[in-house]
Amino acid sequence: MRIFRPFIVLLLVLPLSLAAVKKNMQAFSEGNGPAVVLDEFFAGQVERYGLAAIGACIVRDGKVAWSNGFGLADIEAKRPATADTLFPVGSVSKTVTLAAFMRLLEQGKCALDDDVSRYLPYPLRNPRFPDRPITLCHLLSFTSGIFDVDLQAGRNRLSFLEEERDPQTSAVAALKEFLVPGGRHYAAENFLEYPPGERYAYSNSSYSLIGAVVERLSGRPFREYCHDELFASLGMKASTWRLGDLDHRRYAFGYRREGGRLAKVQPTTWPGYMDGGLRTTPRDFGVFLAMMANRGEFQDKRVLKAKTIDQMLAPQAAPGAPAGKGLPVISRGLVWILSQAGERRVWQMNGFGPSFFAQVYFDPEKKTAGAFFTTGVFRSLDEMGRAVGVLHDGGISLP
């Protein structure tokens, strides 16, 4: 469960300056291939910014064309990061939760305008507007009015639920204490002073509730449904939601800077892990992005219908949404944000915590995509995008 920071989104696809493009063109003309330049670039980022590790991938033409890891996944054990290292990705997890839900939606299991209370063991209402239902679409578009992330204060108001072992309590039960009258952490201030559907407010618990709806509609635990319906179809063998399934020998531990050094952070989770608890590898998530960039298809497998992808990306007009910094936000779909990157438009999402950062994007027009996962404190995200610029803005193709 992580706080979404709108002021650091989509700095990964900034177009290269002319000087930077010329420098990379020279590197290629001297006999260095695209992969070599990318490897050197990311290895330099680890050193320059004092990071623990970076994992990255580039998707082109429906496949992961390049992926690698840099730095140390475990500093104390001196274990290097690779393309198959598991990284925490925070709110990037919501893109997978959305895809899981949309599979059920396209099967006719529910409708976007359904009252979410229909799928919960208790009624869910903004106490100021008890006659206005909170719908599935409101949850998906961050317009439910639930106020659990204070962006101005940089505070996750549900952080009290975080723990270092897999929870024994369901997301529905845990959130009852915050969202339903009589709960230990319930207050009217947990909701906006606007009716559902009329104001944007980024919300972690909205996607935890969507995960709970997936469980209700499928009759399976969320993690099992994701594995059976998404991960298995895509060949994402390493990705996992459970701490108990996490192979620490392959995990990139989070690191935060304390007193001039990087201090290891143990992985945590919470009952509503569907909003931010995914651990995945650059290679694994690249496959997911390849499916998204190819409008729901991967290696002749139809994972989501093309019209379902269109539905996910349809503009959601809601006042109050951040405009984006660094690059302008053009529109917002469900989770995915359409942003202008130079002369190109890309769909992107990020995840962020005090010890890691994750950014993913895809371009369905060019069928390209990329993912960048870091551990440690990173202070210049704009440089991360130069690798994408080398491949796309520089006009260079991977083999």
Protein backbone atom coordinates (compact mmCIF):
# COMPACT_ATOMS: atom_id res chain seq x y z
CA MET A 1 0.00 0.00 0.00
CA ARG A 2 1.80 3.12 -1.22
CA ILE A 3 1.13 6.81 -1.63
CA PHE A 4 0.81 7.95 -5.24
CA ARG A 5 2.92 11.05 -5.83
CA PRO A 6 1.57 13.00 -8.81
CA PHE A 7 4.55 15.35 -8.86
CA ILE A 8 6.95 12.64 -10.06
CA VAL A 9 4.89 10.89 -12.71
CA LEU A 10 6.02 10.25 -16.28
CA LEU A 11 9.47 11.70 -16.36
CA LEU A 12 10.58 8.49 -18.02
CA VAL A 13 9.84 9.35 -21.60
CA LEU A 14 11.29 12.81 -21.93
CA PRO A 15 12.69 13.33 -25.42
CA LEU A 16 16.46 13.55 -25.61
CA SER A 17 18.12 16.86 -26.16
CA LEU A 18 19.90 17.19 -29.51
CA ALA A 19 23.26 16.87 -27.79
CA ALA A 20 22.20 13.69 -26.00
CA VAL A 21 20.89 12.14 -29.22
CA LYS A 22 24.15 12.96 -31.02
CA LYS A 23 26.13 11.43 -28.18
CA ASN A 24 24.18 8.21 -28.36
CA MET A 25 24.37 8.16 -32.17
CA GLN A 26 28.13 8.36 -31.83
CA ALA A 27 28.09 5.44 -29.40
CA PHE A 28 26.20 3.33 -31.91
CA SER A 29 28.41 4.39 -34.83
CA GLU A 30 31.44 3.23 -32.84
CA GLY A 31 30.02 -0.29 -32.82
CA ASN A 32 28.06 -0.40 -29.57
CA GLY A 33 24.59 -1.93 -29.99
CA PRO A 34 21.42 -0.63 -28.32
CA ALA A 35 21.65 -3.13 -25.46
CA VAL A 36 25.22 -2.06 -24.68
CA VAL A 37 24.25 1.61 -24.53
CA LEU A 38 21.25 0.82 -22.32
CA ASP A 39 23.37 -1.30 -19.99
CA GLU A 40 25.97 1.43 -19.66
CA PHE A 41 23.31 4.08 -19.09
CA PHE A 42 21.52 2.25 -16.27
CA ALA A 43 24.71 1.08 -14.61
CA GLY A 44 25.76 4.73 -14.55
CA GLN A 45 22.49 5.75 -12.93
CA VAL A 46 23.04 3.37 -10.03
CA GLU A 47 26.43 4.87 -9.35
CA ARG A 48 25.51 8.50 -10.02
CA TYR A 49 22.51 8.57 -7.70
CA GLY A 50 23.67 6.12 -5.07
CA LEU A 51 20.87 3.63 -5.77
CA ALA A 52 20.76 0.08 -4.56
CA ALA A 53 19.32 -1.47 -7.73
CA ILE A 54 17.54 -0.81 -11.02
CA GLY A 55 15.52 -3.27 -13.10
CA ALA A 56 14.30 -2.23 -16.54
CA CYS A 57 12.79 -3.52 -19.75
CA ILE A 58 11.85 -2.30 -23.21
CA VAL A 59 8.99 -3.80 -25.23
CA ARG A 60 8.87 -3.58 -29.02
CA ASP A 61 6.64 -5.35 -31.54
CA GLY A 62 4.83 -7.47 -28.98
CA LYS A 63 7.84 -8.87 -27.16
CA VAL A 64 10.34 -7.94 -24.47
CA ALA A 65 13.20 -6.75 -26.65
CA TRP A 66 15.58 -5.87 -23.81
CA SER A 67 15.64 -6.33 -20.05
CA ASN A 68 18.33 -6.23 -17.41
CA GLY A 69 19.15 -5.46 -13.80
CA PHE A 70 21.85 -3.25 -12.30
CA GLY A 71 23.32 -2.68 -8.86
CA LEU A 72 22.65 -4.89 -5.85
CA ALA A 73 19.29 -6.43 -5.02
CA ASP A 74 20.68 -7.18 -1.54
CA ILE A 75 23.58 -4.95 -0.54
CA GLU A 76 24.45 -6.92 2.57
CA ALA A 77 24.61 -10.22 0.67
CA LYS A 78 26.26 -8.53 -2.36
CA ARG A 79 23.64 -10.15 -4.60
CA PRO A 80 23.35 -8.44 -8.00
CA ALA A 81 20.05 -7.40 -9.59
CA THR A 82 19.08 -9.08 -12.87
CA ALA A 83 16.18 -9.04 -15.33
CA ASP A 84 14.64 -11.79 -13.21
CA THR A 85 14.95 -10.01 -9.86
CA LEU A 86 11.64 -9.39 -8.08
CA PHE A 87 10.99 -5.70 -7.37
CA PRO A 88 8.25 -4.01 -5.33
CA VAL A 89 6.13 -1.89 -7.67
CA GLY A 90 3.58 -0.27 -5.34
CA SER A 91 0.62 1.31 -7.10
CA VAL A 92 1.67 -0.10 -10.47
CA SER A 93 -0.11 -3.15 -9.01
CA LYS A 94 -3.41 -1.40 -9.70
CA THR A 95 -2.92 -1.92 -13.44
CA VAL A 96 -3.00 -5.69 -12.85
CA THR A 97 -5.98 -5.46 -10.48
CA LEU A 98 -7.81 -3.47 -13.16
CA ALA A 99 -7.05 -6.13 -15.79
CA ALA A 100 -8.27 -8.89 -13.46
CA PHE A 101 -11.54 -7.06 -12.87
CA MET A 102 -12.05 -6.26 -16.56
CA ARG A 103 -11.89 -9.95 -17.46
CA LEU A 104 -14.93 -10.51 -15.26
CA LEU A 105 -16.66 -7.40 -16.58
CA GLU A 106 -16.32 -8.53 -20.19
CA GLN A 107 -17.81 -11.90 -19.20
CA GLY A 108 -20.95 -10.11 -18.02
CA LYS A 109 -20.39 -10.87 -14.33
CA CYS A 110 -21.15 -7.28 -13.36
CA ALA A 111 -21.76 -3.79 -14.75
CA LEU A 112 -19.78 -0.60 -14.18
CA ASP A 113 -22.79 1.22 -12.73
CA ASP A 114 -23.46 -1.50 -10.15
CA ASP A 115 -23.60 -0.33 -6.55
CA VAL A 116 -20.47 -1.79 -4.92
CA SER A 117 -22.53 -2.53 -1.80
CA ARG A 118 -24.13 -5.31 -3.82
CA TYR A 119 -20.83 -7.20 -3.58
CA LEU A 120 -19.91 -6.34 0.01
CA PRO A 121 -21.23 -7.67 3.33
CA TYR A 122 -22.08 -4.11 4.39
CA PRO A 123 -23.44 -0.95 2.74
CA LEU A 124 -20.81 1.52 1.61
CA ARG A 125 -21.93 5.15 1.57
CA ASN A 126 -20.52 8.62 1.94
CA PRO A 127 -22.32 9.69 5.16
CA ARG A 128 -22.98 13.12 3.68
CA PHE A 129 -24.80 11.57 0.71
CA PRO A 130 -26.43 8.37 2.01
CA ASP A 131 -28.82 8.15 -0.95
CA ARG A 132 -26.06 8.26 -3.59
CA PRO A 133 -24.60 4.82 -4.37
CA ILE A 134 -20.87 4.34 -4.81
CA THR A 135 -20.52 2.35 -8.02
CA LEU A 136 -17.83 0.08 -9.38
CA CYS A 137 -16.98 2.78 -11.92
CA HIS A 138 -16.52 5.32 -9.12
CA LEU A 139 -13.97 3.03 -7.47
CA LEU A 140 -12.16 2.35 -10.73
CA SER A 141 -11.94 6.03 -11.70
CA PHE A 142 -10.97 7.36 -8.24
CA THR A 143 -14.24 9.28 -7.95
CA SER A 144 -15.81 7.29 -5.11
CA GLY A 145 -15.15 10.12 -2.64
CA ILE A 146 -13.15 7.87 -0.32
CA PHE A 147 -10.36 9.95 1.21
CA ASP A 148 -7.56 7.62 2.28
CA VAL A 149 -4.55 9.26 0.59
CA ASP A 150 -3.68 12.82 1.59
CA LEU A 151 -1.58 13.99 -1.36
CA GLN A 152 -0.86 17.42 0.11
CA ALA A 153 0.49 15.98 3.33
CA GLY A 154 2.12 13.02 1.55
CA ARG A 155 0.33 10.68 3.93
CA ASN A 156 -1.29 7.29 3.52
CA ARG A 157 -4.18 7.37 5.98
CA LEU A 158 -4.41 3.56 6.01
CA SER A 159 -0.77 2.94 6.91
CA PHE A 160 -1.82 1.60 10.31
CA LEU A 161 -2.88 -1.60 8.52
CA GLU A 162 0.59 -2.38 7.14
CA GLU A 163 2.39 -5.45 8.48
CA GLU A 164 5.38 -7.69 7.77
CA ARG A 165 3.45 -10.93 7.27
CA ASP A 166 0.56 -12.03 5.13
CA PRO A 167 -2.65 -10.84 6.82
CA GLN A 168 -5.20 -13.15 8.35
CA THR A 169 -7.94 -10.53 7.86
CA SER A 170 -9.68 -9.90 4.53
CA ALA A 171 -9.60 -6.54 2.79
CA VAL A 172 -13.36 -6.19 3.28
CA ALA A 173 -13.09 -6.77 7.03
CA ALA A 174 -10.11 -4.45 7.46
CA LEU A 175 -11.70 -1.61 5.50
CA LYS A 176 -14.94 -1.88 7.45
CA GLU A 177 -13.07 -0.30 10.36
CA PHE A 178 -12.32 2.77 8.19
CA LEU A 179 -15.36 3.05 5.93
CA VAL A 180 -18.39 1.93 7.94
CA PRO A 181 -20.03 3.66 10.94
CA GLY A 182 -18.97 2.01 14.19
CA GLY A 183 -15.51 1.11 12.90
CA ARG A 184 -12.53 1.92 15.11
CA HIS A 185 -11.08 4.30 12.50
CA TYR A 186 -14.31 5.51 10.95
CA ALA A 187 -15.02 9.24 10.57
CA ALA A 188 -17.04 11.37 8.19
CA GLU A 189 -13.72 12.93 7.21
CA ASN A 190 -12.78 9.65 5.53
CA PHE A 191 -15.00 10.85 2.67
CA LEU A 192 -14.95 13.99 0.54
CA GLU A 193 -17.56 16.70 0.81
CA TYR A 194 -18.70 15.85 -2.72
CA PRO A 195 -21.17 13.23 -3.95
CA PRO A 196 -19.78 10.07 -5.56
CA GLY A 197 -18.72 10.62 -9.15
CA GLU A 198 -18.22 14.38 -8.88
CA ARG A 199 -14.65 14.74 -7.62
CA TYR A 200 -11.34 12.97 -8.22
CA ALA A 201 -9.46 11.71 -5.16
CA TYR A 202 -6.72 9.12 -5.51
CA SER A 203 -7.63 6.18 -3.30
CA ASN A 204 -5.78 2.99 -2.41
CA SER A 205 -8.75 1.31 -0.77
CA SER A 206 -10.84 1.76 -3.93
CA TYR A 207 -8.68 -0.85 -5.64
CA SER A 208 -8.60 -3.04 -2.56
CA LEU A 209 -12.38 -3.11 -2.80
CA ILE A 210 -12.16 -3.89 -6.53
CA GLY A 211 -9.95 -6.83 -5.60
CA ALA A 212 -12.58 -7.96 -3.11
CA VAL A 213 -15.22 -7.75 -5.86
CA VAL A 214 -13.00 -9.97 -8.05
CA GLU A 215 -12.98 -12.52 -5.23
CA ARG A 216 -16.75 -12.34 -4.85
CA LEU A 217 -17.45 -12.70 -8.59
CA SER A 218 -14.86 -15.40 -9.28
CA GLY A 219 -15.27 -17.41 -6.07
CA ARG A 220 -11.46 -17.53 -5.73
CA PRO A 221 -8.87 -15.68 -3.64
CA PHE A 222 -7.66 -12.68 -5.59
CA ARG A 223 -4.05 -13.88 -5.82
CA GLU A 224 -5.21 -17.25 -7.23
CA TYR A 225 -7.50 -15.61 -9.77
CA CYS A 226 -4.65 -13.39 -10.99
CA HIS A 227 -2.34 -16.36 -11.30
CA ASP A 228 -4.84 -18.53 -13.18
CA GLU A 229 -6.38 -15.89 -15.44
CA LEU A 230 -3.46 -13.51 -16.10
CA PHE A 231 -0.05 -14.69 -14.99
CA ALA A 232 -0.35 -18.24 -16.33
CA SER A 233 -1.66 -17.02 -19.70
CA LEU A 234 1.19 -14.53 -20.04
CA GLY A 235 3.95 -16.73 -18.66
CA MET A 236 4.55 -14.41 -15.68
CA LYS A 237 5.98 -17.21 -13.56
CA ALA A 238 7.79 -15.09 -10.98
CA SER A 239 5.16 -12.46 -10.10
CA THR A 240 3.52 -12.82 -6.71
CA TRP A 241 1.21 -11.03 -4.27
CA ARG A 242 1.95 -13.03 -1.10
CA LEU A 243 4.93 -12.43 1.18
CA GLY A 244 4.86 -16.14 1.95
CA ASP A 245 5.53 -16.89 -1.72
CA LEU A 246 8.28 -14.29 -2.06
CA ASP A 247 11.70 -15.82 -2.79
CA HIS A 248 14.06 -13.58 -0.83
CA ARG A 249 16.97 -14.92 -2.88
CA ARG A 250 15.48 -13.17 -5.92
CA TYR A 251 14.05 -10.09 -4.21
CA ALA A 252 15.33 -6.51 -4.54
CA PHE A 253 15.01 -5.19 -1.01
CA GLY A 254 13.91 -1.61 -0.59
CA TYR A 255 16.52 0.78 0.76
CA ARG A 256 16.09 4.23 2.26
CA ARG A 257 18.86 6.69 3.02
CA GLU A 258 19.54 7.12 6.73
CA GLY A 259 22.53 9.06 8.04
CA GLY A 260 24.33 8.99 4.71
CA ARG A 261 23.89 5.26 4.12
CA LEU A 262 21.29 2.97 2.58
CA ALA A 263 19.29 1.05 5.17
CA LYS A 264 17.45 -2.13 4.17
CA VAL A 265 13.65 -2.15 4.39
CA GLN A 266 11.84 -5.45 4.85
CA PRO A 267 8.86 -6.14 2.55
CA THR A 268 5.42 -5.42 3.98
CA THR A 269 1.82 -5.98 2.97
CA TRP A 270 -1.71 -5.35 4.23
CA PRO A 271 -5.16 -6.95 3.90
CA GLY A 272 -5.98 -4.84 0.84
CA TYR A 273 -2.77 -5.83 -0.96
CA MET A 274 -4.54 -5.64 -4.34
CA ASP A 275 -3.82 -1.89 -4.42
CA GLY A 276 -0.03 -2.11 -4.20
CA GLY A 277 1.36 -5.46 -3.08
CA LEU A 278 2.65 -6.94 -6.34
CA ARG A 279 6.26 -8.08 -6.61
CA THR A 280 7.35 -8.67 -10.18
CA THR A 281 10.40 -8.78 -12.42
CA PRO A 282 11.31 -6.50 -15.34
CA ARG A 283 10.94 -9.44 -17.72
CA ASP A 284 7.58 -10.52 -16.25
CA PHE A 285 6.02 -7.09 -16.26
CA GLY A 286 7.33 -6.43 -19.73
CA VAL A 287 5.10 -9.26 -20.93
CA PHE A 288 2.07 -7.66 -19.25
CA LEU A 289 2.93 -4.36 -20.95
CA ALA A 290 3.32 -6.13 -24.30
CA MET A 291 -0.24 -7.40 -23.90
CA MET A 292 -1.49 -3.90 -23.11
CA ALA A 293 0.41 -2.33 -26.02
CA ASN A 294 -1.05 -4.96 -28.36
CA ARG A 295 -4.63 -4.20 -27.24
CA GLY A 296 -5.12 -7.29 -25.10
CA GLU A 297 -3.30 -9.90 -27.16
CA PHE A 298 0.02 -11.62 -26.47
CA GLN A 299 1.61 -14.25 -28.71
CA ASP A 300 -1.70 -15.07 -30.38
CA LYS A 301 -3.42 -15.37 -26.97
CA ARG A 302 -6.39 -13.11 -26.37
CA VAL A 303 -6.13 -12.09 -22.69
CA LEU A 304 -8.50 -9.10 -22.89
CA LYS A 305 -10.77 -8.04 -25.72
CA ALA A 306 -9.60 -5.02 -27.71
CA LYS A 307 -12.81 -3.19 -26.80
CA THR A 308 -12.05 -3.89 -23.13
CA ILE A 309 -8.69 -2.15 -23.50
CA ASP A 310 -10.50 0.77 -25.13
CA GLN A 311 -12.91 0.85 -22.20
CA MET A 312 -10.01 0.95 -19.74
CA LEU A 313 -8.49 3.91 -21.58
CA ALA A 314 -11.68 5.87 -22.21
CA PRO A 315 -11.38 9.42 -20.76
CA GLN A 316 -12.79 9.84 -17.27
CA ALA A 317 -13.74 13.46 -16.78
CA ALA A 318 -13.47 14.29 -13.10
CA PRO A 319 -12.58 17.68 -11.63
CA GLY A 320 -9.83 17.78 -9.06
CA ALA A 321 -7.38 15.43 -10.79
CA PRO A 322 -3.73 16.61 -10.75
CA ALA A 323 -2.55 18.13 -14.02
CA GLY A 324 0.81 16.37 -13.86
CA LYS A 325 4.27 17.89 -13.68
CA GLY A 326 7.21 17.57 -16.01
CA LEU A 327 4.91 16.39 -18.78
CA PRO A 328 1.26 17.41 -19.15
CA VAL A 329 -1.59 15.01 -18.47
CA ILE A 330 -3.90 14.84 -21.47
CA SER A 331 -6.56 12.62 -19.95
CA ARG A 332 -7.11 9.83 -17.45
CA GLY A 333 -8.55 6.43 -18.10
CA LEU A 334 -9.07 3.77 -15.45
CA VAL A 335 -5.75 3.84 -13.53
CA TRP A 336 -3.75 4.59 -16.70
CA ILE A 337 -2.84 8.24 -17.39
CA LEU A 338 -2.39 9.58 -20.92
CA SER A 339 0.50 12.06 -21.04
CA GLN A 340 2.29 14.04 -23.70
CA ALA A 341 5.94 13.06 -24.17
CA GLY A 342 7.47 15.31 -26.78
CA GLU A 343 5.49 14.60 -29.93
CA ARG A 344 4.28 11.25 -28.64
CA ARG A 345 1.48 10.25 -26.32
CA VAL A 346 1.92 7.39 -23.86
CA TRP A 347 -0.18 5.71 -21.19
CA GLN A 348 1.66 5.52 -17.88
CA MET A 349 1.41 4.71 -14.19
CA ASN A 350 3.81 4.72 -11.28
CA GLY A 351 4.22 3.34 -7.79
CA PHE A 352 6.21 4.94 -5.00
CA GLY A 353 7.36 4.34 -1.46
CA PRO A 354 10.11 5.66 0.81
CA SER A 355 12.48 2.92 -0.39
CA PHE A 356 11.54 2.25 -4.01
CA PHE A 357 10.07 3.72 -7.19
CA ALA A 358 8.40 2.07 -10.19
CA GLN A 359 7.26 3.54 -13.51
CA VAL A 360 5.61 1.79 -16.45
CA TYR A 361 4.24 3.03 -19.75
CA PHE A 362 2.97 1.79 -23.11
CA ASP A 363 2.22 3.25 -26.52
CA PRO A 364 -0.48 1.25 -28.38
CA GLU A 365 0.11 3.16 -31.61
CA LYS A 366 3.75 2.11 -31.87
CA LYS A 367 3.29 -1.09 -29.84
CA THR A 368 6.13 -0.10 -27.55
CA ALA A 369 6.37 -0.10 -23.77
CA GLY A 370 8.83 0.10 -20.92
CA ALA A 371 9.24 -0.39 -17.19
CA PHE A 372 11.77 0.99 -14.72
CA PHE A 373 12.00 -0.23 -11.13
CA THR A 374 14.43 1.24 -8.60
CA THR A 375 15.33 0.63 -4.98
CA GLY A 376 17.00 3.32 -2.92
CA VAL A 377 16.38 7.06 -3.08
CA PHE A 378 16.31 8.47 -6.61
CA ARG A 379 16.49 12.20 -7.19
CA SER A 380 16.54 12.74 -10.96
CA LEU A 381 13.87 10.72 -12.70
CA ASP A 382 14.19 12.70 -15.92
CA GLU A 383 17.44 10.91 -16.76
CA MET A 384 15.69 7.56 -16.60
CA GLY A 385 13.74 8.48 -19.70
CA ARG A 386 16.82 9.00 -21.83
CA ALA A 387 17.06 5.24 -22.42
CA VAL A 388 13.61 5.29 -24.01
CA GLY A 389 14.64 8.34 -25.99
CA VAL A 390 17.63 6.48 -27.40
CA LEU A 391 15.35 3.73 -28.68
CA HIS A 392 12.42 5.79 -29.93
CA ASP A 393 13.31 9.42 -30.42
CA GLY A 394 16.75 8.41 -31.67
CA GLY A 395 15.18 6.17 -34.29
CA ILE A 396 17.09 3.06 -33.29
CA SER A 397 15.56 -0.41 -33.27
CA LEU A 398 16.49 -3.39 -31.17
CA PRO A 399 17.08 -6.64 -33.04
